[in-house]
Amino acid sequence: FAMHGVTLENVYGEKLKKPLQEGLLCRENGFLRLTRRGMDVQNR
């Protein structure tokens, strides 16, 4: 947000839902990160 003036949710909210639900991404302590499974399919 400090760099771009918008939140991740504002920009990618809808597109984040699927990988979050599939356990490929997770949100913890103010960070969005890949899970171990997500690292294998990062490009996708």
All heavy atoms as atom14 arrays in JSON, in Angstrom:
{
  "sequence": "FAMHGVTLENVYGEKLKKPLQEGLLCRENGFLRLTRRGMDVQNR",
  "atom14_mask": [
    [1, 1, 1, 1, 1, 1, 1, 1, 1, 1, 1, 0, 0, 0],
    [1, 1, 1, 1, 1, 0, 0, 0, 0, 0, 0, 0, 0, 0],
    [1, 1, 1, 1, 1, 1, 1, 1, 0, 0, 0, 0, 0, 0],
    [1, 1, 1, 1, 1, 1, 1, 1, 1, 1, 0, 0, 0, 0],
    [1, 1, 1, 1, 0, 0, 0, 0, 0, 0, 0, 0, 0, 0],
    [1, 1, 1, 1, 1, 1, 1, 0, 0, 0, 0, 0, 0, 0],
    [1, 1, 1, 1, 1, 1, 1, 0, 0, 0, 0, 0, 0, 0],
    [1, 1, 1, 1, 1, 1, 1, 1, 0, 0, 0, 0, 0, 0],
    [1, 1, 1, 1, 1, 1, 1, 1, 1, 0, 0, 0, 0, 0],
    [1, 1, 1, 1, 1, 1, 1, 1, 0, 0, 0, 0, 0, 0],
    [1, 1, 1, 1, 1, 1, 1, 0, 0, 0, 0, 0, 0, 0],
    [1, 1, 1, 1, 1, 1, 1, 1, 1, 1, 1, 1, 0, 0],
    [1, 1, 1, 1, 0, 0, 0, 0, 0, 0, 0, 0, 0, 0],
    [1, 1, 1, 1, 1, 1, 1, 1, 1, 0, 0, 0, 0, 0],
    [1, 1, 1, 1, 1, 1, 1, 1, 1, 0, 0, 0, 0, 0],
    [1, 1, 1, 1, 1, 1, 1, 1, 0, 0, 0, 0, 0, 0],
    [1, 1, 1, 1, 1, 1, 1, 1, 1, 0, 0, 0, 0, 0],
    [1, 1, 1, 1, 1, 1, 1, 1, 1, 0, 0, 0, 0, 0],
    [1, 1, 1, 1, 1, 1, 1, 0, 0, 0, 0, 0, 0, 0],
    [1, 1, 1, 1, 1, 1, 1, 1, 0, 0, 0, 0, 0, 0],
    [1, 1, 1, 1, 1, 1, 1, 1, 1, 0, 0, 0, 0, 0],
    [1, 1, 1, 1, 1, 1, 1, 1, 1, 0, 0, 0, 0, 0],
    [1, 1, 1, 1, 0, 0, 0, 0, 0, 0, 0, 0, 0, 0],
    [1, 1, 1, 1, 1, 1, 1, 1, 0, 0, 0, 0, 0, 0],
    [1, 1, 1, 1, 1, 1, 1, 1, 0, 0, 0, 0, 0, 0],
    [1, 1, 1, 1, 1, 1, 0, 0, 0, 0, 0, 0, 0, 0],
    [1, 1, 1, 1, 1, 1, 1, 1, 1, 1, 1, 0, 0, 0],
    [1, 1, 1, 1, 1, 1, 1, 1, 1, 0, 0, 0, 0, 0],
    [1, 1, 1, 1, 1, 1, 1, 1, 0, 0, 0, 0, 0, 0],
    [1, 1, 1, 1, 0, 0, 0, 0, 0, 0, 0, 0, 0, 0],
    [1, 1, 1, 1, 1, 1, 1, 1, 1, 1, 1, 0, 0, 0],
    [1, 1, 1, 1, 1, 1, 1, 1, 0, 0, 0, 0, 0, 0],
    [1, 1, 1, 1, 1, 1, 1, 1, 1, 1, 1, 0, 0, 0],
    [1, 1, 1, 1, 1, 1, 1, 1, 0, 0, 0, 0, 0, 0],
    [1, 1, 1, 1, 1, 1, 1, 0, 0, 0, 0, 0, 0, 0],
    [1, 1, 1, 1, 1, 1, 1, 1, 1, 1, 1, 0, 0, 0],
    [1, 1, 1, 1, 1, 1, 1, 1, 1, 1, 1, 0, 0, 0],
    [1, 1, 1, 1, 0, 0, 0, 0, 0, 0, 0, 0, 0, 0],
    [1, 1, 1, 1, 1, 1, 1, 1, 0, 0, 0, 0, 0, 0],
    [1, 1, 1, 1, 1, 1, 1, 1, 0, 0, 0, 0, 0, 0],
    [1, 1, 1, 1, 1, 1, 1, 0, 0, 0, 0, 0, 0, 0],
    [1, 1, 1, 1, 1, 1, 1, 1, 1, 0, 0, 0, 0, 0],
    [1, 1, 1, 1, 1, 1, 1, 1, 0, 0, 0, 0, 0, 0],
    [1, 1, 1, 1, 1, 1, 1, 1, 1, 1, 1, 0, 0, 0]
  ],
  "atom14_positions": [
    [[0.84, -1.21, 0.0], [0.0, 0.0, 0.0], [0.87, 1.26, 0.0], [0.58, 2.23, -0.72], [-0.93, 0.0, 1.22], [-1.81, 1.21, 1.29], [-2.95, 1.32, 0.5], [-1.49, 2.27, 2.14], [-3.74, 2.46, 0.54], [-2.28, 3.41, 2.19], [-3.41, 3.5, 1.4], [0.0, 0.0, 0.0], [0.0, 0.0, 0.0], [0.0, 0.0, 0.0]],
    [[1.95, 1.25, 0.79], [2.83, 2.42, 0.85], [3.48, 2.7, -0.49], [3.67, 3.86, -0.89], [3.9, 2.21, 1.93], [0.0, 0.0, 0.0], [0.0, 0.0, 0.0], [0.0, 0.0, 0.0], [0.0, 0.0, 0.0], [0.0, 0.0, 0.0], [0.0, 0.0, 0.0], [0.0, 0.0, 0.0], [0.0, 0.0, 0.0], [0.0, 0.0, 0.0]],
    [[3.8, 1.65, -1.24], [4.48, 1.82, -2.52], [3.52, 2.21, -3.63], [3.85, 3.02, -4.51], [5.22, 0.52, -2.89], [5.98, 0.59, -4.21], [6.95, -0.92, -4.56], [8.27, -0.75, -3.35], [0.0, 0.0, 0.0], [0.0, 0.0, 0.0], [0.0, 0.0, 0.0], [0.0, 0.0, 0.0], [0.0, 0.0, 0.0], [0.0, 0.0, 0.0]],
    [[2.29, 1.65, -3.6], [1.39, 1.79, -4.75], [0.13, 2.61, -4.47], [-0.61, 2.92, -5.41], [1.0, 0.41, -5.28], [2.17, -0.44, -5.66], [2.96, -0.16, -6.76], [2.7, -1.55, -5.09], [3.93, -1.07, -6.85], [3.78, -1.93, -5.85], [0.0, 0.0, 0.0], [0.0, 0.0, 0.0], [0.0, 0.0, 0.0], [0.0, 0.0, 0.0]],
    [[-0.15, 2.91, -3.21], [-1.31, 3.73, -2.89], [-2.64, 3.0, -2.98], [-3.7, 3.61, -2.91], [0.0, 0.0, 0.0], [0.0, 0.0, 0.0], [0.0, 0.0, 0.0], [0.0, 0.0, 0.0], [0.0, 0.0, 0.0], [0.0, 0.0, 0.0], [0.0, 0.0, 0.0], [0.0, 0.0, 0.0], [0.0, 0.0, 0.0], [0.0, 0.0, 0.0]],
    [[-2.6, 1.69, -3.18], [-3.8, 0.85, -3.2], [-3.47, -0.43, -2.45], [-2.3, -0.81, -2.31], [-4.27, 0.51, -4.63], [-4.81, 1.73, -5.34], [-3.13, -0.12, -5.43], [0.0, 0.0, 0.0], [0.0, 0.0, 0.0], [0.0, 0.0, 0.0], [0.0, 0.0, 0.0], [0.0, 0.0, 0.0], [0.0, 0.0, 0.0], [0.0, 0.0, 0.0]],
    [[-4.49, -1.13, -1.98], [-4.26, -2.38, -1.28], [-4.19, -3.55, -2.24], [-4.69, -3.48, -3.37], [-5.37, -2.65, -0.25], [-6.61, -2.86, -0.97], [-5.53, -1.48, 0.71], [0.0, 0.0, 0.0], [0.0, 0.0, 0.0], [0.0, 0.0, 0.0], [0.0, 0.0, 0.0], [0.0, 0.0, 0.0], [0.0, 0.0, 0.0], [0.0, 0.0, 0.0]],
    [[-3.59, -4.63, -1.8], [-3.6, -5.86, -2.59], [-5.02, -6.31, -2.87], [-5.34, -6.79, -3.96], [-2.85, -6.97, -1.83], [-1.34, -7.07, -2.05], [-0.73, -8.01, -1.02], [-1.03, -7.56, -3.46], [0.0, 0.0, 0.0], [0.0, 0.0, 0.0], [0.0, 0.0, 0.0], [0.0, 0.0, 0.0], [0.0, 0.0, 0.0], [0.0, 0.0, 0.0]],
    [[-5.89, -6.12, -1.89], [-7.28, -6.52, -2.04], [-7.96, -5.72, -3.14], [-8.72, -6.26, -3.94], [-8.02, -6.34, -0.71], [-9.38, -7.0, -0.65], [-9.3, -8.51, -0.74], [-8.34, -9.09, -0.22], [-10.21, -9.11, -1.36], [0.0, 0.0, 0.0], [0.0, 0.0, 0.0], [0.0, 0.0, 0.0], [0.0, 0.0, 0.0], [0.0, 0.0, 0.0]],
    [[-7.67, -4.41, -3.17], [-8.26, -3.55, -4.22], [-7.86, -4.02, -5.61], [-8.68, -4.01, -6.54], [-7.81, -2.1, -4.05], [-8.41, -1.42, -2.83], [-7.82, -0.52, -2.26], [-9.61, -1.85, -2.41], [0.0, 0.0, 0.0], [0.0, 0.0, 0.0], [0.0, 0.0, 0.0], [0.0, 0.0, 0.0], [0.0, 0.0, 0.0], [0.0, 0.0, 0.0]],
    [[-6.61, -4.43, -5.77], [-6.09, -4.76, -7.1], [-6.37, -6.21, -7.48], [-6.78, -6.5, -8.61], [-4.56, -4.51, -7.16], [-4.02, -4.81, -8.56], [-4.24, -3.07, -6.77], [0.0, 0.0, 0.0], [0.0, 0.0, 0.0], [0.0, 0.0, 0.0], [0.0, 0.0, 0.0], [0.0, 0.0, 0.0], [0.0, 0.0, 0.0], [0.0, 0.0, 0.0]],
    [[-6.18, -7.13, -6.55], [-6.21, -8.55, -6.9], [-7.24, -9.36, -6.11], [-7.24, -10.59, -6.18], [-4.82, -9.18, -6.65], [-3.74, -8.62, -7.53], [-2.74, -7.8, -7.02], [-3.72, -8.9, -8.9], [-1.74, -7.28, -7.83], [-2.73, -8.39, -9.72], [-1.74, -7.58, -9.18], [-0.76, -7.06, -9.99], [0.0, 0.0, 0.0], [0.0, 0.0, 0.0]],
    [[-8.12, -8.67, -5.39], [-9.03, -9.36, -4.48], [-9.72, -10.58, -5.06], [-9.64, -11.68, -4.51], [0.0, 0.0, 0.0], [0.0, 0.0, 0.0], [0.0, 0.0, 0.0], [0.0, 0.0, 0.0], [0.0, 0.0, 0.0], [0.0, 0.0, 0.0], [0.0, 0.0, 0.0], [0.0, 0.0, 0.0], [0.0, 0.0, 0.0], [0.0, 0.0, 0.0]],
    [[-10.41, -10.42, -6.19], [-11.15, -11.53, -6.78], [-10.22, -12.65, -7.23], [-10.52, -13.83, -7.08], [-11.99, -11.03, -7.97], [-13.24, -10.27, -7.57], [-14.18, -11.13, -6.71], [-14.42, -12.29, -7.08], [-14.65, -10.62, -5.68], [0.0, 0.0, 0.0], [0.0, 0.0, 0.0], [0.0, 0.0, 0.0], [0.0, 0.0, 0.0], [0.0, 0.0, 0.0]],
    [[-9.07, -12.27, -7.8], [-8.15, -13.26, -8.33], [-7.41, -14.01, -7.22], [-6.85, -15.08, -7.47], [-7.15, -12.6, -9.27], [-7.79, -12.05, -10.55], [-6.75, -11.43, -11.45], [-7.38, -10.91, -12.75], [-6.38, -10.31, -13.65], [0.0, 0.0, 0.0], [0.0, 0.0, 0.0], [0.0, 0.0, 0.0], [0.0, 0.0, 0.0], [0.0, 0.0, 0.0]],
    [[-7.39, -13.45, -6.01], [-6.71, -14.11, -4.9], [-7.58, -15.19, -4.26], [-7.07, -16.09, -3.58], [-6.32, -13.08, -3.82], [-5.23, -12.08, -4.2], [-5.04, -11.06, -3.08], [-3.9, -12.79, -4.47], [0.0, 0.0, 0.0], [0.0, 0.0, 0.0], [0.0, 0.0, 0.0], [0.0, 0.0, 0.0], [0.0, 0.0, 0.0], [0.0, 0.0, 0.0]],
    [[-8.89, -15.11, -4.46], [-9.8, -16.0, -3.75], [-9.52, -17.47, -4.03], [-9.44, -18.3, -3.13], [-11.25, -15.67, -4.1], [-11.76, -14.39, -3.45], [-13.23, -14.13, -3.81], [-13.71, -12.86, -3.14], [-15.13, -12.57, -3.49], [0.0, 0.0, 0.0], [0.0, 0.0, 0.0], [0.0, 0.0, 0.0], [0.0, 0.0, 0.0], [0.0, 0.0, 0.0]],
    [[-9.36, -17.81, -5.31], [-9.19, -19.21, -5.68], [-7.91, -19.82, -5.09], [-7.95, -20.86, -4.43], [-9.22, -19.37, -7.19], [-9.1, -20.82, -7.66], [-9.14, -20.91, -9.18], [-8.94, -22.34, -9.64], [-8.91, -22.45, -11.13], [0.0, 0.0, 0.0], [0.0, 0.0, 0.0], [0.0, 0.0, 0.0], [0.0, 0.0, 0.0], [0.0, 0.0, 0.0]],
    [[-6.7, -19.18, -5.31], [-5.48, -19.78, -4.72], [-5.5, -19.78, -3.19], [-4.91, -20.67, -2.58], [-4.35, -18.92, -5.28], [-4.99, -17.68, -5.79], [-6.37, -18.04, -6.18], [0.0, 0.0, 0.0], [0.0, 0.0, 0.0], [0.0, 0.0, 0.0], [0.0, 0.0, 0.0], [0.0, 0.0, 0.0], [0.0, 0.0, 0.0], [0.0, 0.0, 0.0]],
    [[-6.2, -18.82, -2.57], [-6.33, -18.85, -1.11], [-7.18, -20.04, -0.68], [-6.83, -20.77, 0.27], [-6.93, -17.54, -0.6], [-5.99, -16.32, -0.56], [-6.79, -15.04, -0.36], [-4.94, -16.47, 0.54], [0.0, 0.0, 0.0], [0.0, 0.0, 0.0], [0.0, 0.0, 0.0], [0.0, 0.0, 0.0], [0.0, 0.0, 0.0], [0.0, 0.0, 0.0]],
    [[-8.3, -20.27, -1.38], [-9.18, -21.38, -1.05], [-8.5, -22.73, -1.31], [-8.74, -23.7, -0.58], [-10.47, -21.28, -1.86], [-11.38, -20.13, -1.43], [-12.51, -19.9, -2.42], [-12.57, -20.5, -3.49], [-13.44, -19.0, -2.05], [0.0, 0.0, 0.0], [0.0, 0.0, 0.0], [0.0, 0.0, 0.0], [0.0, 0.0, 0.0], [0.0, 0.0, 0.0]],
    [[-7.64, -22.78, -2.33], [-6.95, -24.04, -2.67], [-5.74, -24.3, -1.79], [-5.1, -25.34, -1.9], [-6.5, -24.0, -4.14], [-7.66, -24.02, -5.14], [-7.15, -23.91, -6.57], [-5.98, -23.49, -6.77], [-7.91, -24.25, -7.49], [0.0, 0.0, 0.0], [0.0, 0.0, 0.0], [0.0, 0.0, 0.0], [0.0, 0.0, 0.0], [0.0, 0.0, 0.0]],
    [[-5.44, -23.37, -0.9], [-4.29, -23.55, -0.03], [-2.95, -23.31, -0.7], [-1.91, -23.78, -0.22], [0.0, 0.0, 0.0], [0.0, 0.0, 0.0], [0.0, 0.0, 0.0], [0.0, 0.0, 0.0], [0.0, 0.0, 0.0], [0.0, 0.0, 0.0], [0.0, 0.0, 0.0], [0.0, 0.0, 0.0], [0.0, 0.0, 0.0], [0.0, 0.0, 0.0]],
    [[-2.95, -22.57, -1.8], [-1.71, -22.24, -2.5], [-1.13, -20.92, -2.02], [0.08, -20.68, -2.12], [-1.96, -22.18, -4.02], [-2.58, -23.44, -4.63], [-2.86, -23.24, -6.1], [-1.67, -24.65, -4.41], [0.0, 0.0, 0.0], [0.0, 0.0, 0.0], [0.0, 0.0, 0.0], [0.0, 0.0, 0.0], [0.0, 0.0, 0.0], [0.0, 0.0, 0.0]],
    [[-1.99, -20.04, -1.54], [-1.61, -18.79, -0.9], [-2.19, -18.77, 0.51], [-3.19, -19.43, 0.79], [-2.15, -17.59, -1.68], [-1.52, -17.21, -3.02], [-2.33, -16.09, -3.68], [-0.07, -16.77, -2.84], [0.0, 0.0, 0.0], [0.0, 0.0, 0.0], [0.0, 0.0, 0.0], [0.0, 0.0, 0.0], [0.0, 0.0, 0.0], [0.0, 0.0, 0.0]],
    [[-1.54, -17.99, 1.37], [-2.14, -17.78, 2.69], [-1.83, -16.36, 3.15], [-0.87, -15.72, 2.68], [-1.63, -18.8, 3.71], [0.09, -18.6, 4.18], [0.0, 0.0, 0.0], [0.0, 0.0, 0.0], [0.0, 0.0, 0.0], [0.0, 0.0, 0.0], [0.0, 0.0, 0.0], [0.0, 0.0, 0.0], [0.0, 0.0, 0.0], [0.0, 0.0, 0.0]],
    [[-2.66, -15.88, 4.06], [-2.48, -14.56, 4.67], [-2.19, -14.77, 6.15], [-2.97, -15.4, 6.86], [-3.73, -13.71, 4.49], [-3.79, -12.98, 3.17], [-4.91, -11.95, 3.19], [-4.74, -10.96, 2.16], [-5.65, -10.7, 1.21], [-6.77, -11.39, 1.17], [-5.43, -9.76, 0.32], [0.0, 0.0, 0.0], [0.0, 0.0, 0.0], [0.0, 0.0, 0.0]],
    [[-1.08, -14.21, 6.61], [-0.7, -14.34, 8.02], [0.04, -13.08, 8.46], [0.98, -12.63, 7.79], [0.23, -15.53, 8.24], [-0.42, -16.89, 8.1], [0.57, -18.03, 8.34], [1.79, -17.78, 8.2], [0.12, -19.13, 8.67], [0.0, 0.0, 0.0], [0.0, 0.0, 0.0], [0.0, 0.0, 0.0], [0.0, 0.0, 0.0], [0.0, 0.0, 0.0]],
    [[-0.4, -12.51, 9.58], [0.31, -11.4, 10.22], [0.63, -10.26, 9.27], [1.72, -9.67, 9.31], [1.6, -11.91, 10.88], [1.36, -13.02, 11.86], [0.41, -12.96, 12.66], [2.19, -14.05, 11.83], [0.0, 0.0, 0.0], [0.0, 0.0, 0.0], [0.0, 0.0, 0.0], [0.0, 0.0, 0.0], [0.0, 0.0, 0.0], [0.0, 0.0, 0.0]],
    [[-0.3, -9.95, 8.37], [-0.11, -8.83, 7.46], [0.7, -9.14, 6.22], [1.08, -8.23, 5.48], [0.0, 0.0, 0.0], [0.0, 0.0, 0.0], [0.0, 0.0, 0.0], [0.0, 0.0, 0.0], [0.0, 0.0, 0.0], [0.0, 0.0, 0.0], [0.0, 0.0, 0.0], [0.0, 0.0, 0.0], [0.0, 0.0, 0.0], [0.0, 0.0, 0.0]],
    [[0.97, -10.43, 5.97], [1.73, -10.84, 4.79], [0.88, -11.76, 3.93], [0.11, -12.57, 4.45], [3.01, -11.59, 5.18], [4.11, -10.71, 5.71], [4.12, -10.3, 7.04], [5.14, -10.3, 4.89], [5.13, -9.5, 7.53], [6.16, -9.49, 5.37], [6.16, -9.09, 6.7], [0.0, 0.0, 0.0], [0.0, 0.0, 0.0], [0.0, 0.0, 0.0]],
    [[1.06, -11.65, 2.62], [0.51, -12.62, 1.67], [1.68, -13.43, 1.14], [2.65, -12.86, 0.62], [-0.19, -11.9, 0.5], [-0.71, -12.81, -0.62], [-1.95, -13.58, -0.16], [-1.02, -12.0, -1.88], [0.0, 0.0, 0.0], [0.0, 0.0, 0.0], [0.0, 0.0, 0.0], [0.0, 0.0, 0.0], [0.0, 0.0, 0.0], [0.0, 0.0, 0.0]],
    [[1.6, -14.77, 1.27], [2.73, -15.59, 0.84], [2.25, -16.89, 0.2], [1.09, -17.3, 0.39], [3.65, -15.9, 2.02], [3.01, -16.75, 3.11], [4.02, -17.12, 4.19], [3.41, -17.93, 5.22], [3.22, -19.24, 5.14], [3.61, -19.9, 4.04], [2.67, -19.92, 6.13], [0.0, 0.0, 0.0], [0.0, 0.0, 0.0], [0.0, 0.0, 0.0]],
    [[3.15, -17.49, -0.54], [2.9, -18.81, -1.09], [3.02, -19.86, 0.01], [3.9, -19.76, 0.88], [3.91, -19.15, -2.18], [3.81, -18.39, -3.51], [5.05, -18.67, -4.35], [2.56, -18.78, -4.27], [0.0, 0.0, 0.0], [0.0, 0.0, 0.0], [0.0, 0.0, 0.0], [0.0, 0.0, 0.0], [0.0, 0.0, 0.0], [0.0, 0.0, 0.0]],
    [[2.17, -20.87, -0.02], [2.37, -22.03, 0.83], [3.41, -22.93, 0.17], [3.87, -22.66, -0.95], [1.06, -22.81, 1.0], [0.66, -23.3, -0.3], [-0.04, -21.92, 1.56], [0.0, 0.0, 0.0], [0.0, 0.0, 0.0], [0.0, 0.0, 0.0], [0.0, 0.0, 0.0], [0.0, 0.0, 0.0], [0.0, 0.0, 0.0], [0.0, 0.0, 0.0]],
    [[3.79, -24.0, 0.88], [4.73, -24.94, 0.27], [4.17, -25.49, -1.04], [4.88, -25.6, -2.04], [5.04, -26.07, 1.27], [5.95, -27.15, 0.69], [7.33, -26.57, 0.34], [8.04, -27.46, -0.57], [8.0, -27.39, -1.88], [7.25, -26.47, -2.49], [8.71, -28.22, -2.61], [0.0, 0.0, 0.0], [0.0, 0.0, 0.0], [0.0, 0.0, 0.0]],
    [[2.89, -25.86, -1.06], [2.27, -26.34, -2.3], [2.26, -25.25, -3.36], [2.43, -25.52, -4.56], [0.83, -26.8, -2.01], [0.72, -28.15, -1.3], [-0.72, -28.48, -1.02], [-1.53, -28.42, -2.24], [-2.77, -27.94, -2.29], [-3.35, -27.45, -1.2], [-3.43, -27.95, -3.43], [0.0, 0.0, 0.0], [0.0, 0.0, 0.0], [0.0, 0.0, 0.0]],
    [[2.04, -24.03, -2.93], [1.99, -22.92, -3.88], [3.31, -22.67, -4.58], [3.35, -22.24, -5.74], [0.0, 0.0, 0.0], [0.0, 0.0, 0.0], [0.0, 0.0, 0.0], [0.0, 0.0, 0.0], [0.0, 0.0, 0.0], [0.0, 0.0, 0.0], [0.0, 0.0, 0.0], [0.0, 0.0, 0.0], [0.0, 0.0, 0.0], [0.0, 0.0, 0.0]],
    [[4.43, -22.96, -3.88], [5.74, -22.75, -4.5], [5.91, -23.63, -5.74], [6.59, -23.24, -6.69], [6.86, -23.06, -3.5], [7.04, -22.0, -2.45], [8.48, -22.36, -1.4], [8.42, -20.95, -0.29], [0.0, 0.0, 0.0], [0.0, 0.0, 0.0], [0.0, 0.0, 0.0], [0.0, 0.0, 0.0], [0.0, 0.0, 0.0], [0.0, 0.0, 0.0]],
    [[5.29, -24.82, -5.73], [5.43, -25.73, -6.87], [4.69, -25.24, -8.11], [5.0, -25.65, -9.22], [4.91, -27.12, -6.5], [5.89, -27.88, -5.61], [7.08, -27.54, -5.62], [5.45, -28.8, -4.91], [0.0, 0.0, 0.0], [0.0, 0.0, 0.0], [0.0, 0.0, 0.0], [0.0, 0.0, 0.0], [0.0, 0.0, 0.0], [0.0, 0.0, 0.0]],
    [[3.68, -24.39, -7.9], [2.87, -23.91, -9.03], [2.86, -22.38, -9.07], [1.89, -21.76, -9.49], [1.42, -24.46, -8.95], [1.4, -25.95, -9.19], [0.77, -24.13, -7.61], [0.0, 0.0, 0.0], [0.0, 0.0, 0.0], [0.0, 0.0, 0.0], [0.0, 0.0, 0.0], [0.0, 0.0, 0.0], [0.0, 0.0, 0.0], [0.0, 0.0, 0.0]],
    [[3.97, -21.8, -8.67], [4.05, -20.34, -8.6], [3.7, -19.69, -9.94], [2.97, -18.7, -9.99], [5.46, -19.89, -8.17], [5.58, -18.37, -8.03], [7.03, -17.91, -8.06], [7.88, -18.56, -8.65], [7.3, -16.8, -7.42], [0.0, 0.0, 0.0], [0.0, 0.0, 0.0], [0.0, 0.0, 0.0], [0.0, 0.0, 0.0], [0.0, 0.0, 0.0]],
    [[4.25, -20.24, -11.02], [4.0, -19.63, -12.34], [2.51, -19.62, -12.68], [2.02, -18.66, -13.27], [4.81, -20.35, -13.42], [6.29, -20.05, -13.33], [6.69, -19.08, -12.71], [7.1, -20.9, -13.92], [0.0, 0.0, 0.0], [0.0, 0.0, 0.0], [0.0, 0.0, 0.0], [0.0, 0.0, 0.0], [0.0, 0.0, 0.0], [0.0, 0.0, 0.0]],
    [[1.83, -20.7, -12.36], [0.38, -20.76, -12.63], [-0.37, -19.67, -11.86], [-1.24, -19.0, -12.41], [-0.17, -22.14, -12.24], [-1.57, -22.38, -12.74], [-2.21, -23.57, -12.04], [-3.0, -23.12, -10.89], [-3.51, -23.95, -9.99], [-3.25, -25.25, -10.06], [-4.23, -23.49, -9.0], [0.0, 0.0, 0.0], [0.0, 0.0, 0.0], [0.0, 0.0, 0.0]]
  ]
}
